């Protein structure tokens, strides 16, 4: 390859190829073109055997005459071609690409070197996956999972992705179409003989072969992570704490229920049946659940301590039912979108319809009479306003709270409230409560029983108590829109209590 200066603008002003076969008596040929209006081929006598390429560069492309720039281009695009490339007598390429060798023959140091070269990082990969397949498309690949994510902004993963090669020649670096969005934290190389070298960026986006490669990589990576989770649970938990968000994104964005459930095998949660910090899978939950139990119960809370104190957990705990604890709203959305797992319904603790264990009333635990309870429920709804709550009824749940709210699709309701525009949030809140929230009163709780008589003896205070009980129940369900509005009511209640003490 011979580069020379000439012209004023553009990368190719005039270039040619001079070549002659090594066969005895063969004729030489010269291919010429100015890069603008076609080319011509002529016979040429006296040429030495081999091929020489002459490229004439214009002034704005002179960087390609510099040795460092040429070395950079060669290593980027032709580092793994099957023959040596020399620059001023020094070999600049690696002839045998790592991904074409047997995995057992490759030491960790070589993987670390390739990983660092691809990622620009100085650490070693957490996981290394190397595989080759022939169907439905020919692929040789090596993929790396980093030990940590320096930036969890999935919309800005410019330094991540895998490079696409064809027969050891790079077609595209960090190709975005080879991976689903949730796997964009990977580094690596995919080499496929089924990809044409002249594939344009536009065709790359629409290529059936690229879609097949993407499907193979996705399936292989899910299977690989499942194997690693079984082989070394502690190391997998380290991965999950760092990259679990990406798995959740995968479940939310994929349209395939099969892929959703495959990804769901990789999810991990704390459990009411395990110590704090111990994570379990959905499969572990199902394996130890009674065969008659067709639900997987989960409860969203800011912390384990708050989850354990939740009235919704009380009811399930009293029935000896395991509950998974989720501490971020992403988990709620994921489990809601997943909906089912291995024929089990994923059910929020708030929406659980669990029958209480029958047991005789203890002293002081007698229920409010049914007729009086119904009258109190009607009064409660009238006091709160029929536009505020869908229904008020006496509850048969076993818990220590005077009241709880139940919502059929709690996760959806929370999401609607979060997404509502600020100027519409108050009206949206009122509308959603009216159409979705059921207030259940505990007929055993002393506050409810005393409120039954207080509404006649001191209706003003009774109304304050009713409003506060409703807000307390909404707070337990993480459905309070603006807690500041409770301050005035609480001050009135405190005034009534202190006034009563003085009298």
Protein backbone atom coordinates (compact mmCIF):
# COMPACT_ATOMS: atom_id res chain seq x y z
CA UNK A 1 0.00 0.00 0.00
CA UNK A 2 1.48 3.34 -1.11
CA UNK A 3 0.02 6.68 0.00
CA UNK A 4 0.97 9.97 -1.60
CA UNK A 5 -0.11 13.60 -1.34
CA UNK A 6 -1.96 15.41 -4.08
CA UNK A 7 -5.02 17.56 -4.76
CA UNK A 8 -6.92 19.82 -2.39
CA UNK A 9 -10.14 18.20 -1.11
CA UNK A 10 -11.58 14.71 -0.51
CA UNK A 11 -10.02 11.42 0.46
CA UNK A 12 -9.58 9.87 -3.02
CA UNK A 13 -8.19 11.92 -5.87
CA UNK A 14 -6.63 9.23 -7.99
CA UNK A 15 -5.64 5.68 -7.16
CA UNK A 16 -4.76 2.39 -8.77
CA UNK A 17 -4.10 -1.30 -8.24
CA UNK A 18 -1.09 -2.97 -9.87
CA UNK A 19 -1.15 -6.78 -9.72
CA UNK A 20 0.35 -9.92 -11.25
CA UNK A 21 -0.28 -13.55 -10.39
CA UNK A 22 2.58 -15.77 -9.16
CA UNK A 23 1.84 -18.29 -11.93
CA UNK A 24 4.69 -18.46 -14.49
CA UNK A 25 4.04 -16.45 -17.65
CA UNK A 26 1.05 -14.59 -16.22
CA UNK A 27 0.27 -11.06 -17.42
CA UNK A 28 0.17 -8.06 -15.08
CA UNK A 29 -2.75 -5.63 -14.85
CA UNK A 30 -3.30 -2.05 -13.76
CA UNK A 31 -6.67 -0.87 -12.45
CA UNK A 32 -7.07 2.92 -12.50
CA UNK A 33 -9.75 5.34 -11.31
CA UNK A 34 -10.01 8.98 -10.33
CA UNK A 35 -12.82 8.11 -7.93
CA UNK A 36 -15.42 10.10 -9.84
CA UNK A 37 -16.34 8.65 -13.24
CA UNK A 38 -15.67 4.92 -13.40
CA UNK A 39 -12.42 3.02 -13.92
CA UNK A 40 -10.33 1.23 -16.55
CA UNK A 41 -8.19 -1.93 -16.57
CA UNK A 42 -5.11 -2.34 -18.77
CA UNK A 43 -2.50 -5.02 -19.26
CA UNK A 44 0.96 -4.13 -17.97
CA UNK A 45 4.17 -5.98 -18.73
CA UNK A 46 7.14 -6.17 -16.41
CA UNK A 47 5.22 -5.99 -13.14
CA UNK A 48 6.63 -8.01 -10.22
CA UNK A 49 4.35 -10.69 -8.77
CA UNK A 50 1.96 -9.59 -6.03
CA UNK A 51 -0.28 -6.58 -5.61
CA UNK A 52 0.48 -2.93 -5.00
CA UNK A 53 -2.20 -0.36 -4.20
CA UNK A 54 -1.49 3.32 -4.81
CA UNK A 55 -3.79 5.92 -3.25
CA UNK A 56 -3.39 9.64 -3.87
CA UNK A 57 -4.77 11.74 -1.01
CA UNK A 58 -6.06 15.28 -1.18
CA UNK A 59 -4.97 17.91 1.32
CA UNK A 60 -7.86 17.42 3.76
CA UNK A 61 -7.03 13.71 4.15
CA UNK A 62 -3.32 13.93 4.91
CA UNK A 63 -3.83 12.41 8.38
CA UNK A 64 -3.92 9.03 6.60
CA UNK A 65 -0.26 9.50 5.68
CA UNK A 66 0.70 9.47 9.35
CA UNK A 67 2.04 6.20 10.74
CA UNK A 68 0.02 6.37 13.99
CA UNK A 69 -3.24 6.97 12.12
CA UNK A 70 -2.57 4.09 9.74
CA UNK A 71 -1.75 1.79 12.65
CA UNK A 72 -5.00 2.84 14.38
CA UNK A 73 -7.08 2.05 11.26
CA UNK A 74 -5.38 -1.31 10.72
CA UNK A 75 -5.86 -2.43 14.32
CA UNK A 76 -9.47 -1.32 14.34
CA UNK A 77 -10.60 -2.92 11.10
CA UNK A 78 -8.03 -5.57 10.16
CA UNK A 79 -6.40 -6.64 13.39
CA UNK A 80 -7.52 -10.26 12.99
CA UNK A 81 -7.18 -11.00 9.25
CA UNK A 82 -5.46 -14.32 8.58
CA UNK A 83 -2.10 -12.94 7.44
CA UNK A 84 0.45 -10.51 8.88
CA UNK A 85 0.26 -6.80 8.07
CA UNK A 86 3.49 -4.81 8.28
CA UNK A 87 3.96 -1.08 8.70
CA UNK A 88 7.56 0.01 8.06
CA UNK A 89 8.67 -3.56 8.59
CA UNK A 90 6.83 -4.02 11.93
CA UNK A 91 3.81 -6.35 12.24
CA UNK A 92 0.84 -4.39 13.58
CA UNK A 93 -1.94 -7.00 13.67
CA UNK A 94 -2.89 -10.13 15.60
CA UNK A 95 -3.26 -13.01 13.17
CA UNK A 96 -5.35 -15.43 15.27
CA UNK A 97 -8.44 -13.86 16.88
CA UNK A 98 -9.20 -15.12 20.35
CA UNK A 99 -12.82 -16.09 19.61
CA UNK A 100 -11.79 -18.65 16.97
CA UNK A 101 -9.79 -20.69 19.50
CA UNK A 102 -11.06 -23.32 21.92
CA UNK A 103 -12.18 -21.76 25.24
CA UNK A 104 -10.06 -24.25 27.20
CA UNK A 105 -6.92 -23.00 25.44
CA UNK A 106 -7.37 -19.32 26.32
CA UNK A 107 -5.88 -18.10 29.63
CA UNK A 108 -7.73 -15.48 31.68
CA UNK A 109 -4.96 -12.98 30.95
CA UNK A 110 -5.76 -13.00 27.22
CA UNK A 111 -9.47 -12.51 27.90
CA UNK A 112 -8.62 -9.63 30.22
CA UNK A 113 -6.44 -8.04 27.52
CA UNK A 114 -9.19 -8.24 24.87
CA UNK A 115 -11.84 -7.03 27.33
CA UNK A 116 -9.73 -4.03 28.30
CA UNK A 117 -9.02 -3.27 24.64
CA UNK A 118 -12.73 -3.33 23.77
CA UNK A 119 -14.01 -1.50 26.84
CA UNK A 120 -11.22 0.96 27.54
CA UNK A 121 -11.30 -0.16 31.19
CA UNK A 122 -8.50 -1.42 33.41
CA UNK A 123 -10.40 -3.99 35.48
CA UNK A 124 -11.10 -7.63 34.58
CA UNK A 125 -14.54 -8.88 33.50
CA UNK A 126 -16.90 -10.41 36.05
CA UNK A 127 -18.11 -13.04 33.56
CA UNK A 128 -16.74 -14.30 30.24
CA UNK A 129 -18.97 -16.22 27.83
CA UNK A 130 -17.54 -17.74 24.63
CA UNK A 131 -19.62 -19.79 22.20
CA UNK A 132 -20.03 -20.80 18.58
CA UNK A 133 -23.13 -21.97 16.69
CA UNK A 134 -23.87 -22.91 13.10
CA UNK A 135 -27.67 -22.59 13.09
CA UNK A 136 -29.82 -20.59 12.59
CA UNK A 137 -26.80 -18.46 11.70
CA UNK A 138 -23.04 -19.02 11.82
CA UNK A 139 -21.58 -17.23 14.86
CA UNK A 140 -18.38 -17.23 16.86
CA UNK A 141 -18.55 -14.90 19.83
CA UNK A 142 -16.92 -13.86 23.06
CA UNK A 143 -18.89 -11.64 25.43
CA UNK A 144 -17.85 -9.92 28.65
CA UNK A 145 -19.86 -8.64 31.62
CA UNK A 146 -18.11 -5.83 33.55
CA UNK A 147 -17.73 -5.94 37.32
CA UNK A 148 -19.58 -2.70 37.79
CA UNK A 149 -21.47 -0.03 35.90
CA UNK A 150 -19.90 3.41 36.10
CA UNK A 151 -23.12 4.94 34.80
CA UNK A 152 -26.57 3.35 35.03
CA UNK A 153 -28.15 5.70 32.51
CA UNK A 154 -29.38 3.19 29.93
CA UNK A 155 -30.02 5.97 27.42
CA UNK A 156 -26.32 6.86 27.38
CA UNK A 157 -24.39 3.61 26.93
CA UNK A 158 -22.07 4.94 24.25
CA UNK A 159 -19.03 3.06 25.57
CA UNK A 160 -20.80 -0.29 25.60
CA UNK A 161 -21.96 -2.80 23.00
CA UNK A 162 -20.32 -5.52 20.94
CA UNK A 163 -18.40 -5.28 17.69
CA UNK A 164 -19.52 -7.09 14.54
CA UNK A 165 -16.96 -8.95 12.43
CA UNK A 166 -17.20 -10.92 9.21
CA UNK A 167 -14.44 -13.47 8.64
CA UNK A 168 -12.19 -11.63 11.13
CA UNK A 169 -12.72 -8.22 9.48
CA UNK A 170 -14.64 -5.65 11.51
CA UNK A 171 -17.89 -4.48 9.95
CA UNK A 172 -19.10 -2.22 12.76
CA UNK A 173 -17.74 -1.27 16.19
CA UNK A 174 -20.19 -1.31 19.12
CA UNK A 175 -23.06 -2.29 16.87
CA UNK A 176 -26.33 -1.20 18.55
CA UNK A 177 -28.51 -3.65 16.60
CA UNK A 178 -26.83 -6.82 17.87
CA UNK A 179 -28.26 -6.55 21.38
CA UNK A 180 -31.61 -5.84 22.98
CA UNK A 181 -31.63 -2.67 25.06
CA UNK A 182 -31.35 -4.56 28.34
CA UNK A 183 -28.05 -6.22 27.30
CA UNK A 184 -26.28 -3.03 26.26
CA UNK A 185 -23.91 -3.32 29.23
CA UNK A 186 -22.00 -6.09 27.43
CA UNK A 187 -18.63 -5.79 25.72
CA UNK A 188 -17.40 -8.30 23.17
CA UNK A 189 -17.10 -9.52 19.61
CA UNK A 190 -19.43 -11.43 17.28
CA UNK A 191 -17.98 -12.88 14.08
CA UNK A 192 -20.36 -14.24 11.45
CA UNK A 193 -19.53 -15.53 7.98
CA UNK A 194 -23.15 -14.86 6.97
CA UNK A 195 -22.67 -11.07 7.07
CA UNK A 196 -21.54 -9.44 3.78
CA UNK A 197 -18.55 -7.13 4.23
CA UNK A 198 -20.21 -4.33 2.26
CA UNK A 199 -23.34 -4.25 4.42
CA UNK A 200 -24.41 -0.61 4.84
CA UNK A 201 -25.65 0.92 8.07
CA UNK A 202 -29.18 1.10 6.65
CA UNK A 203 -29.22 -2.56 5.61
CA UNK A 204 -27.64 -3.49 8.94
CA UNK A 205 -30.71 -2.17 10.72
CA UNK A 206 -33.09 -4.23 8.55
CA UNK A 207 -30.99 -7.37 8.09
CA UNK A 208 -32.68 -10.70 8.84
CA UNK A 209 -29.26 -12.14 9.70
CA UNK A 210 -28.71 -9.41 12.30
CA UNK A 211 -32.09 -10.21 13.86
CA UNK A 212 -31.12 -13.88 14.08
CA UNK A 213 -27.77 -13.01 15.67
CA UNK A 214 -29.56 -10.81 18.21
CA UNK A 215 -31.96 -13.63 19.07
CA UNK A 216 -29.14 -16.16 19.50
CA UNK A 217 -27.11 -13.82 21.75
CA UNK A 218 -30.15 -13.04 23.91
CA UNK A 219 -31.03 -16.71 24.43
CA UNK A 220 -27.42 -17.71 25.08
CA UNK A 221 -26.88 -14.95 27.63
CA UNK A 222 -30.07 -15.78 29.57
CA UNK A 223 -29.06 -19.47 29.72
CA UNK A 224 -25.51 -18.55 30.71
CA UNK A 225 -26.65 -16.32 33.58
CA UNK A 226 -29.00 -19.03 34.84
CA UNK A 227 -26.09 -21.49 34.93
CA UNK A 228 -23.90 -19.01 36.77
CA UNK A 229 -26.64 -18.32 39.31
CA UNK A 230 -26.79 -22.04 40.17
CA UNK A 231 -23.02 -22.56 40.06
CA UNK A 232 -22.06 -19.65 42.31
CA UNK A 233 -25.07 -17.91 43.93
CA UNK A 234 -22.96 -15.40 45.85
CA UNK A 235 -21.16 -14.19 42.74
CA UNK A 236 -24.47 -14.01 40.87
CA UNK A 237 -25.98 -11.88 43.64
CA UNK A 238 -23.04 -9.51 43.20
CA UNK A 239 -23.91 -9.31 39.51
CA UNK A 240 -27.62 -8.87 40.27
CA UNK A 241 -27.10 -5.98 42.66
CA UNK A 242 -25.10 -4.20 39.96
CA UNK A 243 -27.11 -5.11 36.84
CA UNK A 244 -30.54 -6.17 38.12
CA UNK A 245 -32.04 -2.98 36.74
CA UNK A 246 -31.22 -4.12 33.20
CA UNK A 247 -32.95 -7.47 33.72
CA UNK A 248 -36.05 -5.61 34.92
CA UNK A 249 -35.94 -3.41 31.82
CA UNK A 250 -35.81 -6.57 29.71
CA UNK A 251 -39.02 -7.91 31.24
CA UNK A 252 -40.83 -4.61 30.78
CA UNK A 253 -39.74 -4.06 27.17
CA UNK A 254 -40.03 -7.55 25.65
CA UNK A 255 -43.34 -8.57 24.11
CA UNK A 256 -42.66 -12.30 24.41
CA UNK A 257 -44.17 -13.95 27.49
CA UNK A 258 -41.68 -16.81 27.11
CA UNK A 259 -38.75 -14.39 27.22
CA UNK A 260 -40.37 -12.56 30.15
CA UNK A 261 -40.48 -15.80 32.15
CA UNK A 262 -36.94 -16.75 31.11
CA UNK A 263 -35.72 -13.39 32.39
CA UNK A 264 -37.87 -13.73 35.51
CA UNK A 265 -35.79 -16.77 36.52
CA UNK A 266 -32.94 -14.31 37.04
CA UNK A 267 -34.82 -11.97 39.40
CA UNK A 268 -33.98 -11.97 43.10
CA UNK A 269 -35.88 -10.66 46.13
CA UNK A 270 -35.72 -10.65 49.89
CA UNK A 271 -38.29 -12.94 51.50
CA UNK A 272 -40.27 -13.07 54.72
CA UNK A 273 -38.99 -16.64 55.17
CA UNK A 274 -35.30 -15.64 54.98
CA UNK A 275 -32.93 -13.44 56.94
CA UNK A 276 -32.38 -9.84 55.94
CA UNK A 277 -30.04 -9.56 52.94
CA UNK A 278 -30.67 -13.10 51.68
CA UNK A 279 -32.09 -13.12 48.15
CA UNK A 280 -34.36 -15.80 46.68
CA UNK A 281 -35.66 -16.52 43.18
CA UNK A 282 -39.23 -17.01 42.03
CA UNK A 283 -38.40 -20.68 41.47
CA UNK A 284 -37.31 -21.08 45.10
CA UNK A 285 -40.55 -19.44 46.24
CA UNK A 286 -42.68 -21.82 44.16
CA UNK A 287 -40.71 -24.91 45.20
CA UNK A 288 -41.48 -24.39 48.89
CA UNK A 289 -45.03 -23.06 48.53
CA UNK A 290 -47.95 -25.45 49.18
CA UNK A 291 -49.16 -27.14 46.01
CA UNK A 292 -52.61 -25.64 46.52
CA UNK A 293 -51.20 -22.09 46.53
CA UNK A 294 -51.62 -20.59 43.08
CA UNK A 295 -50.29 -17.13 43.91
CA UNK A 296 -46.89 -15.57 44.48
CA UNK A 297 -47.34 -12.79 47.02
CA UNK A 298 -45.16 -9.69 47.08
CA UNK A 299 -45.18 -6.48 49.08
CA UNK A 300 -43.64 -3.14 48.17
CA UNK A 301 -42.09 -1.08 50.97
CA UNK A 302 -39.15 1.33 51.43
CA UNK A 303 -37.40 -1.16 53.74
CA UNK A 304 -37.70 -4.64 55.23
CA UNK A 305 -38.62 -3.17 58.61
CA UNK A 306 -41.54 -1.26 57.15
CA UNK A 307 -42.66 -4.30 55.14
CA UNK A 308 -42.73 -6.45 58.29
CA UNK A 309 -44.89 -3.83 60.02
CA UNK A 310 -47.37 -3.57 57.15
CA UNK A 311 -50.95 -4.60 57.94
CA UNK A 312 -51.07 -6.36 54.57
CA UNK A 313 -48.16 -8.54 55.61
CA UNK A 314 -49.82 -9.37 58.93
CA UNK A 315 -52.72 -11.14 57.24
CA UNK A 316 -50.45 -13.28 55.05
CA UNK A 317 -48.03 -14.00 57.89
CA UNK A 318 -50.83 -15.26 60.11
CA UNK A 319 -51.66 -17.73 57.34
CA UNK A 320 -47.97 -18.78 57.16
CA UNK A 321 -47.67 -17.53 53.56
CA UNK A 322 -44.30 -16.45 52.22
CA UNK A 323 -44.08 -12.87 50.94
CA UNK A 324 -41.42 -11.40 48.66
CA UNK A 325 -40.32 -7.89 49.58
CA UNK A 326 -39.64 -5.30 46.87
CA UNK A 327 -37.87 -2.09 47.83
CA UNK A 328 -38.01 -0.12 44.59
CA UNK A 329 -40.85 0.83 42.31
CA UNK A 330 -39.17 -0.79 39.30
CA UNK A 331 -39.79 -4.20 40.88
CA UNK A 332 -43.49 -3.38 41.26
CA UNK A 333 -43.78 -2.51 37.59
CA UNK A 334 -41.83 -5.61 36.54
CA UNK A 335 -43.96 -8.03 38.56
CA UNK A 336 -47.12 -6.31 37.38
CA UNK A 337 -46.04 -6.63 33.73
CA UNK A 338 -44.92 -10.22 34.25
CA UNK A 339 -48.37 -10.99 35.68
CA UNK A 340 -47.86 -14.77 35.80
CA UNK A 341 -44.93 -17.09 36.39
CA UNK A 342 -45.15 -20.86 35.88
CA UNK A 343 -48.95 -20.77 36.11
CA UNK A 344 -48.85 -18.79 39.36
CA UNK A 345 -50.50 -15.40 39.61
CA UNK A 346 -48.19 -12.65 40.88
CA UNK A 347 -50.28 -10.90 43.51
CA UNK A 348 -49.65 -7.81 45.64
CA UNK A 349 -50.14 -8.28 49.37
CA UNK A 350 -52.58 -5.37 49.28
CA UNK A 351 -54.73 -7.19 46.74
CA UNK A 352 -54.46 -10.64 48.32
CA UNK A 353 -57.81 -12.29 48.97
CA UNK A 354 -56.79 -14.60 51.81
CA UNK A 355 -59.40 -16.08 54.11
CA UNK A 356 -58.59 -15.58 57.79
CA UNK A 357 -57.91 -18.56 60.01
CA UNK A 358 -61.01 -19.24 62.08
CA UNK A 359 -60.37 -18.91 65.81
CA UNK A 360 -62.54 -18.02 68.81
CA UNK A 361 -62.71 -14.40 69.94
CA UNK A 362 -60.34 -13.55 72.77
CA UNK A 363 -61.43 -11.30 75.66
CA UNK A 364 -61.60 -7.73 74.40
CA UNK A 365 -61.47 -8.94 70.78
CA UNK A 366 -65.19 -9.23 70.21
CA UNK A 367 -66.35 -7.88 66.86
CA UNK A 368 -68.69 -4.98 66.36
CA UNK A 369 -72.19 -6.29 65.75
CA UNK A 370 -72.81 -6.81 62.04
CA UNK A 371 -75.77 -4.43 61.83
CA UNK A 372 -73.92 -1.70 63.72
CA UNK A 373 -70.83 -2.32 61.57
CA UNK A 374 -72.84 -1.81 58.38
CA UNK A 375 -74.29 1.46 59.74
CA UNK A 376 -70.79 2.64 60.65
CA UNK A 377 -69.49 1.79 57.16
CA UNK A 378 -72.32 3.80 55.56
CA UNK A 379 -71.63 6.75 57.88
CA UNK A 380 -67.93 6.49 57.07
CA UNK A 381 -68.53 6.76 53.33
CA UNK A 382 -70.94 9.66 53.73
CA UNK A 383 -68.44 11.45 55.99
CA UNK A 384 -65.49 10.97 53.61
CA UNK A 385 -67.65 11.85 50.63
CA UNK A 386 -68.93 9.35 48.10
CA UNK A 387 -66.66 10.94 45.49
CA UNK A 388 -63.63 10.09 47.64
CA UNK A 389 -63.80 6.33 48.00
CA UNK A 390 -65.32 3.52 45.94
CA UNK A 391 -66.65 1.51 48.89
CA UNK A 392 -66.43 1.24 52.68
CA UNK A 393 -67.06 -2.11 54.36
CA UNK A 394 -66.27 -4.11 57.47
CA UNK A 395 -63.24 -6.34 56.98
CA UNK A 396 -62.53 -9.96 57.85
CA UNK A 397 -58.76 -9.46 57.50
CA UNK A 398 -56.68 -10.23 60.58
CA UNK A 399 -54.42 -7.29 61.32
CA UNK A 400 -53.63 -4.77 64.05
CA UNK A 401 -54.70 -1.69 62.10
CA UNK A 402 -58.11 -0.07 62.52
CA UNK A 403 -58.48 0.27 58.73
CA UNK A 404 -56.77 -0.63 55.47
CA UNK A 405 -57.45 0.18 51.84
CA UNK A 406 -57.50 -2.44 49.10
CA UNK A 407 -56.97 -1.80 45.40
CA UNK A 408 -57.29 -4.40 42.66
CA UNK A 409 -54.42 -2.99 40.55
CA UNK A 410 -52.36 -1.08 43.08
CA UNK A 411 -49.21 -0.87 40.94
CA UNK A 412 -51.15 0.64 38.04
CA UNK A 413 -52.79 3.17 40.34
CA UNK A 414 -49.45 4.26 41.76
CA UNK A 415 -48.00 4.65 38.28
CA UNK A 416 -50.96 6.76 37.11
CA UNK A 417 -50.53 9.06 40.10
CA UNK A 418 -46.79 9.43 39.44
CA UNK A 419 -47.27 10.14 35.74
CA UNK A 420 -50.12 12.64 36.09
CA UNK A 421 -49.11 16.23 35.13
CA UNK A 422 -48.62 18.44 38.23
CA UNK A 423 -51.55 20.68 37.35
CA UNK A 424 -53.84 17.64 37.03
CA UNK A 425 -52.52 15.57 39.94
CA UNK A 426 -55.13 16.64 42.52
CA UNK A 427 -58.07 15.91 40.21
CA UNK A 428 -56.51 12.66 38.99
CA UNK A 429 -55.94 11.59 42.58
CA UNK A 430 -59.55 12.18 43.54
CA UNK A 431 -60.84 10.38 40.44
CA UNK A 432 -58.61 7.33 40.91
CA UNK A 433 -59.49 6.96 44.60
CA UNK A 434 -63.21 7.19 43.85
CA UNK A 435 -63.04 4.50 41.18
CA UNK A 436 -60.52 2.09 42.71
CA UNK A 437 -60.06 2.31 46.48
CA UNK A 438 -62.04 0.20 48.96
CA UNK A 439 -61.72 1.09 52.66
CA UNK A 440 -61.97 -1.91 54.98
CA UNK A 441 -62.70 -1.28 58.68
CA UNK A 442 -61.47 -3.68 61.35
CA UNK A 443 -64.55 -4.59 63.49
CA UNK A 444 -62.29 -5.86 66.29
CA UNK A 445 -60.14 -2.77 66.70
CA UNK A 446 -61.01 -0.58 69.71
CA UNK A 447 -60.84 2.65 67.68
CA UNK A 448 -63.52 1.38 65.29
CA UNK A 449 -65.73 0.14 68.12
CA UNK A 450 -65.38 3.44 70.02
CA UNK A 451 -65.97 5.42 66.84
CA UNK A 452 -69.36 3.73 66.54
CA UNK A 453 -70.56 5.53 69.66
CA UNK A 454 -68.41 8.66 69.19
CA UNK A 455 -70.22 9.56 65.98
CA UNK A 456 -73.37 10.16 68.09
CA UNK A 457 -71.77 11.72 71.17
CA UNK A 458 -69.22 13.94 69.43
CA UNK A 459 -69.82 13.99 65.66
CA UNK A 460 -67.24 16.74 65.00
CA UNK A 461 -64.36 14.74 66.51
CA UNK A 462 -65.69 11.51 64.96
CA UNK A 463 -65.44 13.08 61.50
CA UNK A 464 -61.84 14.13 62.19
CA UNK A 465 -60.99 10.59 63.30
CA UNK A 466 -62.65 9.09 60.20
CA UNK A 467 -60.66 11.34 57.88
CA UNK A 468 -57.40 10.55 59.66
CA UNK A 469 -58.06 6.79 59.64
CA UNK A 470 -58.61 6.96 55.87
CA UNK A 471 -55.37 8.88 55.30
CA UNK A 472 -53.48 6.50 57.58
CA UNK A 473 -54.73 3.59 55.50
CA UNK A 474 -53.72 5.36 52.27
CA UNK A 475 -50.28 6.00 53.75
CA UNK A 476 -49.85 2.30 54.52
CA UNK A 477 -50.63 1.60 50.86
CA UNK A 478 -48.24 4.33 49.65
CA UNK A 479 -51.12 6.26 48.11
CA UNK A 480 -50.90 9.58 49.92
CA UNK A 481 -50.73 12.41 47.40
CA UNK A 482 -49.92 15.32 49.71
CA UNK A 483 -49.39 14.54 53.42
CA UNK A 484 -49.35 18.26 54.30
CA UNK A 485 -53.12 18.38 54.07
CA UNK A 486 -53.31 16.15 57.18
CA UNK A 487 -51.57 18.68 59.43
CA UNK A 488 -54.63 20.84 60.06
CA UNK A 489 -56.79 17.82 60.91
CA UNK A 490 -54.16 16.36 63.25
CA UNK A 491 -53.88 19.69 65.10
CA UNK A 492 -57.65 19.73 65.58
CA UNK A 493 -57.53 16.18 66.93
CA UNK A 494 -54.70 17.09 69.31
CA UNK A 495 -56.70 20.10 70.49
CA UNK A 496 -59.72 17.89 71.16
CA UNK A 497 -57.61 15.36 73.07
CA UNK A 498 -55.81 17.94 75.23
CA UNK A 499 -59.07 19.78 75.89
CA UNK A 500 -60.63 16.53 77.00
CA UNK A 501 -57.71 15.86 79.38
CA UNK A 502 -58.14 19.30 80.98
CA UNK A 503 -61.85 18.70 81.53
